[in-house]
Amino acid sequence: MATDILTLTRPDDWHLHLRDGEALRAVLPHTARQFARAIVMPNLKPPVTTTALALAYKQRILDALPEGAAFEPLMTLYLTDRTEAEEMRRARDAGIVALKLYPAGATTNSDAGVTDMRKTYATLEAMQREGLLLLVHGEVTDTDIDLFDREAVFIERVLQPLRRDFPELKIVFEHITTREAAQYVAEAGANTAATITAHHLLYNRNAIFQGGLRPHYYCLPVLKREVHRQALLEAATSGSPKFFLGTDSAPHAAMLKEHAAACAGCYTALSALELYAQAFEAAGALHKLEGFASFHGADFYGLPRNTGRITLRRRAWTLPESLPFGAADLKPLGGGETLQWQLSEETLA
């Protein structure tokens, strides 16, 4: 029997881009109204590479929160070739939870990323010792590797050696997009997990090209073939604690998305839970959404589960086509389309 009300333990977003300044103030309320915590990505300009920079950024996030909002940003550092191993103790003591690996040139603001993993080994050893997690953007950047194959090649060239050399380091393979990644994580040891976005559960690469080039469906890692979407959906709805929610919501001004060289990223924070509910319902797995959204990530990070509750109701509503974004406009993924689930403004104790 179909349900019309879905009540979940308040979830967390384990992969989020908030930007800074006016952009931060524009998008933060969308996340704070539905998620209790979020892992905040450090790829600002300049990147968040030290504990001091992370704490300053955290304060800017807290200052931008709407009055009365109960939301905790979980801060990360941007891993570079020059990140000092000694910084890991300071990071841990300050409450930093993870470092982010961007292969240089892999995605937005990744120019300062890692060029050679061997240059980071002393830092990775310190992370393993201090209990900090490594969050990976899992794509190689070699120009001779096809864009759609870069995640699978990353597993072989980078992830497998990392797992061998740092067996106690907790690694989150972020925003996985392929059958190969889902299978790798499912078969890996207990210290490997993955986040999955709503858009990679809902769409395959055809969405980018339906009726013309649709830049608001362009993200990195890029949407893949239908066989990969199906594999991700199977992983997300499997009940395995290795897979959990990470929106990778990435706001860009509409004019930069609709540009000759379009920015990569989908803005989903406005309707994140509704989009995930849509995907899980299509798979007949609404009863698995709470574990994926509310339990698995907290458990893997070693953090307490939330105690608050949120409610989704079956109610058709139309996503706005655009939102204010400082002096620009922001177009959410699926803007103008109708969703069948809507987050209730009620917060249950």
C-alpha atoms as a PDB file:
ATOM      1  CA  MET A   1       0.000   0.000   0.000  1.00  0.00           C
ATOM      2  CA  ALA A   2       1.377   3.419  -0.971  1.00  0.00           C
ATOM      3  CA  THR A   3       2.136   5.763   1.879  1.00  0.00           C
ATOM      4  CA  ASP A   4       1.353   9.473   1.826  1.00  0.00           C
ATOM      5  CA  ILE A   5       3.454  10.476   4.829  1.00  0.00           C
ATOM      6  CA  LEU A   6       7.108   9.595   5.317  1.00  0.00           C
ATOM      7  CA  THR A   7       8.751  10.442   8.637  1.00  0.00           C
ATOM      8  CA  LEU A   8      12.524  10.095   8.949  1.00  0.00           C
ATOM      9  CA  THR A   9      15.183  10.737  11.526  1.00  0.00           C
ATOM     10  CA  ARG A  10      16.644  14.107  10.570  1.00  0.00           C
ATOM     11  CA  PRO A  11      19.220  13.329   7.861  1.00  0.00           C
ATOM     12  CA  ASP A  12      22.699  14.642   7.108  1.00  0.00           C
ATOM     13  CA  ASP A  13      24.320  15.658   3.828  1.00  0.00           C
ATOM     14  CA  TRP A  14      27.738  14.042   3.568  1.00  0.00           C
ATOM     15  CA  HIS A  15      28.876  16.092   0.547  1.00  0.00           C
ATOM     16  CA  LEU A  16      27.909  19.742   0.072  1.00  0.00           C
ATOM     17  CA  HIS A  17      29.177  22.898  -1.610  1.00  0.00           C
ATOM     18  CA  LEU A  18      28.164  26.118   0.133  1.00  0.00           C
ATOM     19  CA  ARG A  19      30.509  28.609  -1.552  1.00  0.00           C
ATOM     20  CA  ASP A  20      31.080  31.867   0.348  1.00  0.00           C
ATOM     21  CA  GLY A  21      29.853  35.439   0.732  1.00  0.00           C
ATOM     22  CA  GLU A  22      26.519  36.285  -0.897  1.00  0.00           C
ATOM     23  CA  ALA A  23      26.335  32.865  -2.540  1.00  0.00           C
ATOM     24  CA  LEU A  24      26.663  31.173   0.856  1.00  0.00           C
ATOM     25  CA  ARG A  25      23.902  33.293   2.339  1.00  0.00           C
ATOM     26  CA  ALA A  26      21.635  32.484  -0.610  1.00  0.00           C
ATOM     27  CA  VAL A  27      21.933  28.685  -0.490  1.00  0.00           C
ATOM     28  CA  LEU A  28      22.595  27.809   3.155  1.00  0.00           C
ATOM     29  CA  PRO A  29      18.930  28.078   4.260  1.00  0.00           C
ATOM     30  CA  HIS A  30      17.922  25.367   1.768  1.00  0.00           C
ATOM     31  CA  THR A  31      20.256  22.862   3.409  1.00  0.00           C
ATOM     32  CA  ALA A  32      19.701  23.973   7.001  1.00  0.00           C
ATOM     33  CA  ARG A  33      15.933  23.474   6.846  1.00  0.00           C
ATOM     34  CA  GLN A  34      16.233  19.750   6.123  1.00  0.00           C
ATOM     35  CA  PHE A  35      19.683  18.514   7.208  1.00  0.00           C
ATOM     36  CA  ALA A  36      21.139  18.547  10.731  1.00  0.00           C
ATOM     37  CA  ARG A  37      24.759  18.415   9.544  1.00  0.00           C
ATOM     38  CA  ALA A  38      26.702  18.585   6.318  1.00  0.00           C
ATOM     39  CA  ILE A  39      30.231  17.878   5.179  1.00  0.00           C
ATOM     40  CA  VAL A  40      31.323  21.197   3.680  1.00  0.00           C
ATOM     41  CA  MET A  41      33.641  21.040   0.682  1.00  0.00           C
ATOM     42  CA  PRO A  42      36.849  23.128   0.882  1.00  0.00           C
ATOM     43  CA  ASN A  43      37.258  24.093  -2.794  1.00  0.00           C
ATOM     44  CA  LEU A  44      36.878  27.833  -2.347  1.00  0.00           C
ATOM     45  CA  LYS A  45      39.123  30.407  -3.988  1.00  0.00           C
ATOM     46  CA  PRO A  46      41.628  30.316  -2.337  1.00  0.00           C
ATOM     47  CA  PRO A  47      41.097  26.743  -1.101  1.00  0.00           C
ATOM     48  CA  VAL A  48      40.636  25.879   2.574  1.00  0.00           C
ATOM     49  CA  THR A  49      44.009  24.250   3.195  1.00  0.00           C
ATOM     50  CA  THR A  50      44.668  24.878   6.908  1.00  0.00           C
ATOM     51  CA  THR A  51      42.855  24.486  10.196  1.00  0.00           C
ATOM     52  CA  ALA A  52      42.797  28.247  10.692  1.00  0.00           C
ATOM     53  CA  LEU A  53      41.150  28.790   7.303  1.00  0.00           C
ATOM     54  CA  ALA A  54      38.604  26.049   8.008  1.00  0.00           C
ATOM     55  CA  LEU A  55      37.635  27.527  11.370  1.00  0.00           C
ATOM     56  CA  ALA A  56      37.245  30.977   9.833  1.00  0.00           C
ATOM     57  CA  TYR A  57      35.049  29.514   7.088  1.00  0.00           C
ATOM     58  CA  LYS A  58      32.986  27.646   9.660  1.00  0.00           C
ATOM     59  CA  GLN A  59      32.319  30.886  11.512  1.00  0.00           C
ATOM     60  CA  ARG A  60      31.168  32.551   8.286  1.00  0.00           C
ATOM     61  CA  ILE A  61      28.745  29.659   7.752  1.00  0.00           C
ATOM     62  CA  LEU A  62      27.393  29.930  11.291  1.00  0.00           C
ATOM     63  CA  ASP A  63      27.027  33.697  10.900  1.00  0.00           C
ATOM     64  CA  ALA A  64      25.006  33.157   7.704  1.00  0.00           C
ATOM     65  CA  LEU A  65      22.527  30.732   9.268  1.00  0.00           C
ATOM     66  CA  PRO A  66      18.902  31.880   9.481  1.00  0.00           C
ATOM     67  CA  GLU A  67      17.876  32.778  13.015  1.00  0.00           C
ATOM     68  CA  GLY A  68      16.817  29.706  14.956  1.00  0.00           C
ATOM     69  CA  ALA A  69      18.292  27.212  12.488  1.00  0.00           C
ATOM     70  CA  ALA A  70      19.830  24.109  14.067  1.00  0.00           C
ATOM     71  CA  PHE A  71      22.589  23.102  11.664  1.00  0.00           C
ATOM     72  CA  GLU A  72      26.202  22.014  12.143  1.00  0.00           C
ATOM     73  CA  PRO A  73      28.778  22.413   9.371  1.00  0.00           C
ATOM     74  CA  LEU A  74      31.379  19.648   9.436  1.00  0.00           C
ATOM     75  CA  MET A  75      34.611  21.087   8.114  1.00  0.00           C
ATOM     76  CA  THR A  76      37.217  19.634   5.787  1.00  0.00           C
ATOM     77  CA  LEU A  77      40.638  20.605   4.490  1.00  0.00           C
ATOM     78  CA  TYR A  78      41.759  20.657   0.875  1.00  0.00           C
ATOM     79  CA  LEU A  79      44.582  18.142   0.375  1.00  0.00           C
ATOM     80  CA  THR A  80      47.491  19.424  -1.703  1.00  0.00           C
ATOM     81  CA  ASP A  81      50.965  18.205  -2.592  1.00  0.00           C
ATOM     82  CA  ARG A  82      52.258  20.448   0.207  1.00  0.00           C
ATOM     83  CA  THR A  83      49.790  19.714   3.031  1.00  0.00           C
ATOM     84  CA  GLU A  84      51.901  19.233   6.157  1.00  0.00           C
ATOM     85  CA  ALA A  85      51.575  16.079   8.215  1.00  0.00           C
ATOM     86  CA  GLU A  86      51.895  18.190  11.368  1.00  0.00           C
ATOM     87  CA  GLU A  87      48.663  19.982  10.461  1.00  0.00           C
ATOM     88  CA  MET A  88      46.676  16.785  11.007  1.00  0.00           C
ATOM     89  CA  ARG A  89      46.930  16.934  14.809  1.00  0.00           C
ATOM     90  CA  ARG A  90      45.802  20.559  14.822  1.00  0.00           C
ATOM     91  CA  ALA A  91      42.948  19.680  12.486  1.00  0.00           C
ATOM     92  CA  ARG A  92      41.744  16.818  14.655  1.00  0.00           C
ATOM     93  CA  ASP A  93      41.939  18.886  17.836  1.00  0.00           C
ATOM     94  CA  ALA A  94      39.891  21.648  16.161  1.00  0.00           C
ATOM     95  CA  GLY A  95      37.112  19.266  15.116  1.00  0.00           C
ATOM     96  CA  ILE A  96      38.031  19.001  11.430  1.00  0.00           C
ATOM     97  CA  VAL A  97      36.684  15.632  10.278  1.00  0.00           C
ATOM     98  CA  ALA A  98      38.283  14.953   6.895  1.00  0.00           C
ATOM     99  CA  LEU A  99      40.514  16.006   4.042  1.00  0.00           C
ATOM    100  CA  LYS A 100      39.373  16.167   0.437  1.00  0.00           C
ATOM    101  CA  LEU A 101      41.393  14.706  -2.413  1.00  0.00           C
ATOM    102  CA  TYR A 102      40.872  16.515  -5.693  1.00  0.00           C
ATOM    103  CA  PRO A 103      43.119  15.227  -8.469  1.00  0.00           C
ATOM    104  CA  ALA A 104      44.479  18.446  -9.985  1.00  0.00           C
ATOM    105  CA  GLY A 105      42.135  19.681 -12.709  1.00  0.00           C
ATOM    106  CA  ALA A 106      39.379  17.151 -12.006  1.00  0.00           C
ATOM    107  CA  THR A 107      36.518  19.562 -11.255  1.00  0.00           C
ATOM    108  CA  THR A 108      35.543  23.050 -10.060  1.00  0.00           C
ATOM    109  CA  ASN A 109      38.379  24.896  -8.278  1.00  0.00           C
ATOM    110  CA  SER A 110      40.652  21.852  -8.304  1.00  0.00           C
ATOM    111  CA  ASP A 111      43.736  23.530  -9.753  1.00  0.00           C
ATOM    112  CA  ALA A 112      45.497  23.302  -6.370  1.00  0.00           C
ATOM    113  CA  GLY A 113      44.723  19.581  -6.121  1.00  0.00           C
ATOM    114  CA  VAL A 114      47.095  16.658  -5.843  1.00  0.00           C
ATOM    115  CA  THR A 115      49.416  16.000  -8.788  1.00  0.00           C
ATOM    116  CA  ASP A 116      51.096  12.856  -7.420  1.00  0.00           C
ATOM    117  CA  MET A 117      49.688  10.751  -4.573  1.00  0.00           C
ATOM    118  CA  ARG A 118      53.200   9.849  -3.404  1.00  0.00           C
ATOM    119  CA  LYS A 119      53.677  13.473  -2.345  1.00  0.00           C
ATOM    120  CA  THR A 120      50.825  13.069   0.160  1.00  0.00           C
ATOM    121  CA  TYR A 121      51.882   9.822   1.835  1.00  0.00           C
ATOM    122  CA  ALA A 122      53.324  11.392   4.991  1.00  0.00           C
ATOM    123  CA  THR A 123      50.111  13.362   5.429  1.00  0.00           C
ATOM    124  CA  LEU A 124      47.962  10.287   4.780  1.00  0.00           C
ATOM    125  CA  GLU A 125      49.910   8.400   7.425  1.00  0.00           C
ATOM    126  CA  ALA A 126      49.214  11.221   9.883  1.00  0.00           C
ATOM    127  CA  MET A 127      45.528  11.226   8.917  1.00  0.00           C
ATOM    128  CA  GLN A 128      45.310   7.491   9.522  1.00  0.00           C
ATOM    129  CA  ARG A 129      46.947   7.947  12.918  1.00  0.00           C
ATOM    130  CA  GLU A 130      44.700  10.867  13.940  1.00  0.00           C
ATOM    131  CA  GLY A 131      41.461   9.318  12.691  1.00  0.00           C
ATOM    132  CA  LEU A 132      40.725  11.839   9.939  1.00  0.00           C
ATOM    133  CA  LEU A 133      38.814  10.595   6.895  1.00  0.00           C
ATOM    134  CA  LEU A 134      39.919  10.910   3.282  1.00  0.00           C
ATOM    135  CA  LEU A 135      37.183  12.009   0.872  1.00  0.00           C
ATOM    136  CA  VAL A 136      38.048  11.358  -2.759  1.00  0.00           C
ATOM    137  CA  HIS A 137      36.876  12.813  -6.037  1.00  0.00           C
ATOM    138  CA  GLY A 138      37.426   9.582  -7.892  1.00  0.00           C
ATOM    139  CA  GLU A 139      38.523  10.473 -11.400  1.00  0.00           C
ATOM    140  CA  VAL A 140      41.852  10.454 -13.173  1.00  0.00           C
ATOM    141  CA  THR A 141      42.559  13.535 -15.252  1.00  0.00           C
ATOM    142  CA  ASP A 142      44.720  12.119 -18.045  1.00  0.00           C
ATOM    143  CA  THR A 143      43.566  13.632 -21.312  1.00  0.00           C
ATOM    144  CA  ASP A 144      44.002  10.297 -23.087  1.00  0.00           C
ATOM    145  CA  ILE A 145      41.381   8.645 -20.853  1.00  0.00           C
ATOM    146  CA  ASP A 146      37.793   8.962 -22.047  1.00  0.00           C
ATOM    147  CA  LEU A 147      35.705  11.196 -19.779  1.00  0.00           C
ATOM    148  CA  PHE A 148      33.206   8.397 -19.142  1.00  0.00           C
ATOM    149  CA  ASP A 149      35.961   5.951 -18.116  1.00  0.00           C
ATOM    150  CA  ARG A 150      37.866   8.132 -15.661  1.00  0.00           C
ATOM    151  CA  GLU A 151      36.152   6.830 -12.527  1.00  0.00           C
ATOM    152  CA  ALA A 152      36.815   3.182 -13.342  1.00  0.00           C
ATOM    153  CA  VAL A 153      40.456   3.929 -14.133  1.00  0.00           C
ATOM    154  CA  PHE A 154      40.791   5.845 -10.843  1.00  0.00           C
ATOM    155  CA  ILE A 155      39.843   2.709  -8.917  1.00  0.00           C
ATOM    156  CA  GLU A 156      42.654   0.730 -10.497  1.00  0.00           C
ATOM    157  CA  ARG A 157      45.347   3.400 -10.537  1.00  0.00           C
ATOM    158  CA  VAL A 158      44.691   5.322  -7.320  1.00  0.00           C
ATOM    159  CA  LEU A 159      42.143   3.764  -4.993  1.00  0.00           C
ATOM    160  CA  GLN A 160      43.421   0.210  -4.932  1.00  0.00           C
ATOM    161  CA  PRO A 161      47.004   1.299  -4.067  1.00  0.00           C
ATOM    162  CA  LEU A 162      45.636   3.660  -1.391  1.00  0.00           C
ATOM    163  CA  ARG A 163      43.663   0.866   0.210  1.00  0.00           C
ATOM    164  CA  ARG A 164      46.713  -1.394   0.186  1.00  0.00           C
ATOM    165  CA  ASP A 165      49.055   1.193   1.676  1.00  0.00           C
ATOM    166  CA  PHE A 166      46.645   2.698   4.255  1.00  0.00           C
ATOM    167  CA  PRO A 167      44.338  -0.107   5.380  1.00  0.00           C
ATOM    168  CA  GLU A 168      43.128   1.710   8.529  1.00  0.00           C
ATOM    169  CA  LEU A 169      42.374   5.021   6.779  1.00  0.00           C
ATOM    170  CA  LYS A 170      38.656   5.585   6.340  1.00  0.00           C
ATOM    171  CA  ILE A 171      37.955   6.543   2.720  1.00  0.00           C
ATOM    172  CA  VAL A 172      34.723   7.888   1.263  1.00  0.00           C
ATOM    173  CA  PHE A 173      34.494   7.438  -2.502  1.00  0.00           C
ATOM    174  CA  GLU A 174      32.344  10.468  -3.162  1.00  0.00           C
ATOM    175  CA  HIS A 175      29.503  10.874  -5.669  1.00  0.00           C
ATOM    176  CA  ILE A 176      30.100   7.519  -7.336  1.00  0.00           C
ATOM    177  CA  THR A 177      28.642   7.234 -10.831  1.00  0.00           C
ATOM    178  CA  THR A 178      29.476   3.787 -12.204  1.00  0.00           C
ATOM    179  CA  ARG A 179      28.674   0.126 -11.777  1.00  0.00           C
ATOM    180  CA  GLU A 180      32.397  -0.480 -11.240  1.00  0.00           C
ATOM    181  CA  ALA A 181      32.503   1.961  -8.299  1.00  0.00           C
ATOM    182  CA  ALA A 182      29.388   0.523  -6.672  1.00  0.00           C
ATOM    183  CA  GLN A 183      30.813  -2.992  -6.960  1.00  0.00           C
ATOM    184  CA  TYR A 184      34.226  -1.933  -5.663  1.00  0.00           C
ATOM    185  CA  VAL A 185      32.775  -0.268  -2.562  1.00  0.00           C
ATOM    186  CA  ALA A 186      30.395  -3.155  -1.871  1.00  0.00           C
ATOM    187  CA  GLU A 187      33.282  -5.626  -1.924  1.00  0.00           C
ATOM    188  CA  ALA A 188      35.828  -3.453  -0.097  1.00  0.00           C
ATOM    189  CA  GLY A 189      36.595  -3.682   3.604  1.00  0.00           C
ATOM    190  CA  ALA A 190      34.780  -1.880   6.384  1.00  0.00           C
ATOM    191  CA  ASN A 191      36.885   1.294   6.019  1.00  0.00           C
ATOM    192  CA  THR A 192      35.579   2.117   2.526  1.00  0.00           C
ATOM    193  CA  ALA A 193      32.213   3.754   1.852  1.00  0.00           C
ATOM    194  CA  ALA A 194      30.576   5.931  -0.802  1.00  0.00           C
ATOM    195  CA  THR A 195      28.147   8.785  -1.232  1.00  0.00           C
ATOM    196  CA  ILE A 196      25.572   8.871  -4.029  1.00  0.00           C
ATOM    197  CA  THR A 197      23.792  11.958  -5.339  1.00  0.00           C
ATOM    198  CA  ALA A 198      20.099  12.220  -6.138  1.00  0.00           C
ATOM    199  CA  HIS A 199      20.811  13.234  -9.729  1.00  0.00           C
ATOM    200  CA  HIS A 200      22.933  10.165 -10.387  1.00  0.00           C
ATOM    201  CA  LEU A 201      20.063   8.030  -9.069  1.00  0.00           C
ATOM    202  CA  LEU A 202      17.443   9.787 -11.180  1.00  0.00           C
ATOM    203  CA  TYR A 203      19.127  10.532 -14.506  1.00  0.00           C
ATOM    204  CA  ASN A 204      21.432   8.982 -17.044  1.00  0.00           C
ATOM    205  CA  ARG A 205      23.560  10.862 -19.553  1.00  0.00           C
ATOM    206  CA  ASN A 206      20.669  11.229 -22.002  1.00  0.00           C
ATOM    207  CA  ALA A 207      19.307  13.958 -19.722  1.00  0.00           C
ATOM    208  CA  ILE A 208      22.150  16.259 -20.757  1.00  0.00           C
ATOM    209  CA  PHE A 209      21.087  16.144 -24.406  1.00  0.00           C
ATOM    210  CA  GLN A 210      17.285  15.881 -24.462  1.00  0.00           C
ATOM    211  CA  GLY A 211      15.891  18.637 -26.670  1.00  0.00           C
ATOM    212  CA  GLY A 212      19.312  20.264 -26.979  1.00  0.00           C
ATOM    213  CA  LEU A 213      22.297  20.725 -24.710  1.00  0.00           C
ATOM    214  CA  ARG A 214      21.037  21.105 -21.120  1.00  0.00           C
ATOM    215  CA  PRO A 215      23.903  22.528 -19.057  1.00  0.00           C
ATOM    216  CA  HIS A 216      22.069  22.360 -15.734  1.00  0.00           C
ATOM    217  CA  TYR A 217      22.368  18.543 -15.939  1.00  0.00           C
ATOM    218  CA  TYR A 218      26.121  18.767 -16.466  1.00  0.00           C
ATOM    219  CA  CYS A 219      28.165  17.778 -13.434  1.00  0.00           C
ATOM    220  CA  LEU A 220      31.465  16.088 -12.650  1.00  0.00           C
ATOM    221  CA  PRO A 221      31.674  13.181 -12.495  1.00  0.00           C
ATOM    222  CA  VAL A 222      29.327  13.348 -15.462  1.00  0.00           C
ATOM    223  CA  LEU A 223      26.071  11.384 -15.661  1.00  0.00           C
ATOM    224  CA  LYS A 224      26.680   7.917 -17.104  1.00  0.00           C
ATOM    225  CA  ARG A 225      24.767   5.255 -19.085  1.00  0.00           C
ATOM    226  CA  GLU A 226      21.528   3.712 -17.811  1.00  0.00           C
ATOM    227  CA  VAL A 227      23.281   0.500 -16.714  1.00  0.00           C
ATOM    228  CA  HIS A 228      25.326   2.578 -14.264  1.00  0.00           C
ATOM    229  CA  ARG A 229      22.294   4.475 -12.949  1.00  0.00           C
ATOM    230  CA  GLN A 230      20.589   1.175 -12.265  1.00  0.00           C
ATOM    231  CA  ALA A 231      23.653  -0.111 -10.407  1.00  0.00           C
ATOM    232  CA  LEU A 232      23.756   3.007  -8.238  1.00  0.00           C
ATOM    233  CA  LEU A 233      20.058   2.711  -7.462  1.00  0.00           C
ATOM    234  CA  GLU A 234      20.546  -0.920  -6.464  1.00  0.00           C
ATOM    235  CA  ALA A 235      23.438   0.045  -4.171  1.00  0.00           C
ATOM    236  CA  ALA A 236      21.597   2.963  -2.560  1.00  0.00           C
ATOM    237  CA  THR A 237      18.471   0.922  -1.870  1.00  0.00           C
ATOM    238  CA  SER A 238      20.318  -2.245  -0.805  1.00  0.00           C
ATOM    239  CA  GLY A 239      20.384  -1.307   2.860  1.00  0.00           C
ATOM    240  CA  SER A 240      24.176  -1.638   2.891  1.00  0.00           C
ATOM    241  CA  PRO A 241      25.751   0.748   5.436  1.00  0.00           C
ATOM    242  CA  LYS A 242      28.528   1.420   2.930  1.00  0.00           C
ATOM    243  CA  PHE A 243      26.326   3.776   0.892  1.00  0.00           C
ATOM    244  CA  PHE A 244      24.859   7.035   2.118  1.00  0.00           C
ATOM    245  CA  LEU A 245      23.458  10.396   1.091  1.00  0.00           C
ATOM    246  CA  GLY A 246      25.719  13.091  -0.315  1.00  0.00           C
ATOM    247  CA  THR A 247      24.006  15.634  -2.540  1.00  0.00           C
ATOM    248  CA  ASP A 248      27.115  17.218  -4.071  1.00  0.00           C
ATOM    249  CA  SER A 249      24.784  20.190  -4.473  1.00  0.00           C
ATOM    250  CA  ALA A 250      26.920  22.724  -6.326  1.00  0.00           C
ATOM    251  CA  PRO A 251      25.531  26.210  -6.920  1.00  0.00           C
ATOM    252  CA  HIS A 252      26.697  28.227  -9.914  1.00  0.00           C
ATOM    253  CA  ALA A 253      25.258  31.441 -11.294  1.00  0.00           C
ATOM    254  CA  ALA A 254      22.943  30.586 -14.189  1.00  0.00           C
ATOM    255  CA  MET A 255      24.968  32.699 -16.593  1.00  0.00           C
ATOM    256  CA  LEU A 256      28.037  30.572 -15.838  1.00  0.00           C
ATOM    257  CA  LYS A 257      26.092  27.348 -16.335  1.00  0.00           C
ATOM    258  CA  GLU A 258      24.674  28.640 -19.619  1.00  0.00           C
ATOM    259  CA  HIS A 259      28.107  29.682 -20.841  1.00  0.00           C
ATOM    260  CA  ALA A 260      30.204  28.518 -23.772  1.00  0.00           C
ATOM    261  CA  ALA A 261      32.327  26.650 -21.209  1.00  0.00           C
ATOM    262  CA  ALA A 262      29.604  25.648 -18.745  1.00  0.00           C
ATOM    263  CA  CYS A 263      30.509  25.136 -15.083  1.00  0.00           C
ATOM    264  CA  ALA A 264      30.085  21.606 -13.762  1.00  0.00           C
ATOM    265  CA  GLY A 265      27.600  21.075 -10.955  1.00  0.00           C
ATOM    266  CA  CYS A 266      23.906  20.525 -10.226  1.00  0.00           C
ATOM    267  CA  TYR A 267      22.058  22.549  -7.606  1.00  0.00           C
ATOM    268  CA  THR A 268      19.832  20.146  -5.682  1.00  0.00           C
ATOM    269  CA  ALA A 269      19.859  21.480  -2.103  1.00  0.00           C
ATOM    270  CA  LEU A 270      16.459  23.132  -2.486  1.00  0.00           C
ATOM    271  CA  SER A 271      14.683  19.802  -3.045  1.00  0.00           C
ATOM    272  CA  ALA A 272      17.250  17.214  -1.992  1.00  0.00           C
ATOM    273  CA  LEU A 273      15.083  14.957   0.134  1.00  0.00           C
ATOM    274  CA  GLU A 274      12.180  15.133  -2.291  1.00  0.00           C
ATOM    275  CA  LEU A 275      14.473  14.038  -5.124  1.00  0.00           C
ATOM    276  CA  TYR A 276      15.872  11.135  -3.126  1.00  0.00           C
ATOM    277  CA  ALA A 277      12.334  10.094  -2.133  1.00  0.00           C
ATOM    278  CA  GLN A 278      11.357  10.114  -5.801  1.00  0.00           C
ATOM    279  CA  ALA A 279      14.283   7.834  -6.673  1.00  0.00           C
ATOM    280  CA  PHE A 280      13.690   5.429  -3.784  1.00  0.00           C
ATOM    281  CA  GLU A 281       9.958   5.234  -4.449  1.00  0.00           C
ATOM    282  CA  ALA A 282      10.571   4.421  -8.116  1.00  0.00           C
ATOM    283  CA  ALA A 283      12.689   1.496  -6.905  1.00  0.00           C
ATOM    284  CA  GLY A 284      10.012   0.377  -4.444  1.00  0.00           C
ATOM    285  CA  ALA A 285      12.377   1.095  -1.554  1.00  0.00           C
ATOM    286  CA  LEU A 286      11.006   4.034   0.433  1.00  0.00           C
ATOM    287  CA  HIS A 287      11.487   1.950   3.568  1.00  0.00           C
ATOM    288  CA  LYS A 288      15.244   1.984   2.911  1.00  0.00           C
ATOM    289  CA  LEU A 289      15.544   5.782   2.628  1.00  0.00           C
ATOM    290  CA  GLU A 290      15.979   6.460   6.354  1.00  0.00           C
ATOM    291  CA  GLY A 291      19.039   4.242   6.672  1.00  0.00           C
ATOM    292  CA  PHE A 292      20.633   5.775   3.570  1.00  0.00           C
ATOM    293  CA  ALA A 293      19.814   9.369   4.535  1.00  0.00           C
ATOM    294  CA  SER A 294      19.993   9.347   8.326  1.00  0.00           C
ATOM    295  CA  PHE A 295      22.038   6.449   9.710  1.00  0.00           C
ATOM    296  CA  HIS A 296      24.767   5.070   7.459  1.00  0.00           C
ATOM    297  CA  GLY A 297      26.821   8.253   7.100  1.00  0.00           C
ATOM    298  CA  ALA A 298      26.795   9.094  10.795  1.00  0.00           C
ATOM    299  CA  ASP A 299      27.801   5.545  11.653  1.00  0.00           C
ATOM    300  CA  PHE A 300      30.700   5.525   9.194  1.00  0.00           C
ATOM    301  CA  TYR A 301      32.002   8.889  10.436  1.00  0.00           C
ATOM    302  CA  GLY A 302      31.687   7.694  14.028  1.00  0.00           C
ATOM    303  CA  LEU A 303      29.228  10.456  14.932  1.00  0.00           C
ATOM    304  CA  PRO A 304      25.983  10.130  16.889  1.00  0.00           C
ATOM    305  CA  ARG A 305      22.793   9.720  14.923  1.00  0.00           C
ATOM    306  CA  ASN A 306      20.449  12.693  14.991  1.00  0.00           C
ATOM    307  CA  THR A 307      17.399  12.624  17.238  1.00  0.00           C
ATOM    308  CA  GLY A 308      15.134  15.117  15.461  1.00  0.00           C
ATOM    309  CA  ARG A 309      12.565  14.110  12.845  1.00  0.00           C
ATOM    310  CA  ILE A 310      11.448  15.459   9.481  1.00  0.00           C
ATOM    311  CA  THR A 311       8.321  14.659   7.491  1.00  0.00           C
ATOM    312  CA  LEU A 312       7.760  14.302   3.754  1.00  0.00           C
ATOM    313  CA  ARG A 313       4.197  14.362   2.437  1.00  0.00           C
ATOM    314  CA  ARG A 314       2.881  13.166  -0.886  1.00  0.00           C
ATOM    315  CA  ARG A 315       1.915  16.498  -2.389  1.00  0.00           C
ATOM    316  CA  ALA A 316       2.540  17.629  -5.961  1.00  0.00           C
ATOM    317  CA  TRP A 317       4.477  20.876  -6.221  1.00  0.00           C
ATOM    318  CA  THR A 318       6.503  22.633  -8.862  1.00  0.00           C
ATOM    319  CA  LEU A 319      10.159  23.486  -8.430  1.00  0.00           C
ATOM    320  CA  PRO A 320      10.872  27.163  -9.101  1.00  0.00           C
ATOM    321  CA  GLU A 321      12.719  27.766 -12.334  1.00  0.00           C
ATOM    322  CA  SER A 322      15.194  30.145 -10.713  1.00  0.00           C
ATOM    323  CA  LEU A 323      16.286  31.440  -7.329  1.00  0.00           C
ATOM    324  CA  PRO A 324      18.109  34.593  -6.174  1.00  0.00           C
ATOM    325  CA  PHE A 325      21.850  34.068  -5.936  1.00  0.00           C
ATOM    326  CA  GLY A 326      23.416  37.293  -4.802  1.00  0.00           C
ATOM    327  CA  ALA A 327      23.368  39.600  -7.822  1.00  0.00           C
ATOM    328  CA  ALA A 328      22.742  36.626 -10.141  1.00  0.00           C
ATOM    329  CA  ASP A 329      20.179  33.862 -10.606  1.00  0.00           C
ATOM    330  CA  LEU A 330      20.527  30.216  -9.642  1.00  0.00           C
ATOM    331  CA  LYS A 331      18.636  27.505 -11.503  1.00  0.00           C
ATOM    332  CA  PRO A 332      17.886  24.363  -9.479  1.00  0.00           C
ATOM    333  CA  LEU A 333      18.076  20.981 -11.162  1.00  0.00           C
ATOM    334  CA  GLY A 334      14.641  20.168 -12.553  1.00  0.00           C
ATOM    335  CA  GLY A 335      13.406  23.746 -12.246  1.00  0.00           C
ATOM    336  CA  GLY A 336       9.833  24.053 -13.522  1.00  0.00           C
ATOM    337  CA  GLU A 337       9.171  20.320 -13.087  1.00  0.00           C
ATOM    338  CA  THR A 338       6.665  18.751 -10.693  1.00  0.00           C
ATOM    339  CA  LEU A 339       7.748  16.640  -7.739  1.00  0.00           C
ATOM    340  CA  GLN A 340       5.411  14.292  -5.899  1.00  0.00           C
ATOM    341  CA  TRP A 341       6.935  14.579  -2.412  1.00  0.00           C
ATOM    342  CA  GLN A 342       7.320  17.761  -0.385  1.00  0.00           C
ATOM    343  CA  LEU A 343       9.169  18.412   2.848  1.00  0.00           C
ATOM    344  CA  SER A 344       6.717  19.485   5.524  1.00  0.00           C
ATOM    345  CA  GLU A 345       7.453  22.622   7.498  1.00  0.00           C
ATOM    346  CA  GLU A 346       6.567  20.651  10.617  1.00  0.00           C
ATOM    347  CA  THR A 347       9.478  19.391  12.660  1.00  0.00           C
ATOM    348  CA  LEU A 348       8.553  16.422  14.787  1.00  0.00           C
ATOM    349  CA  ALA A 349      10.175  15.940  18.170  1.00  0.00           C
END
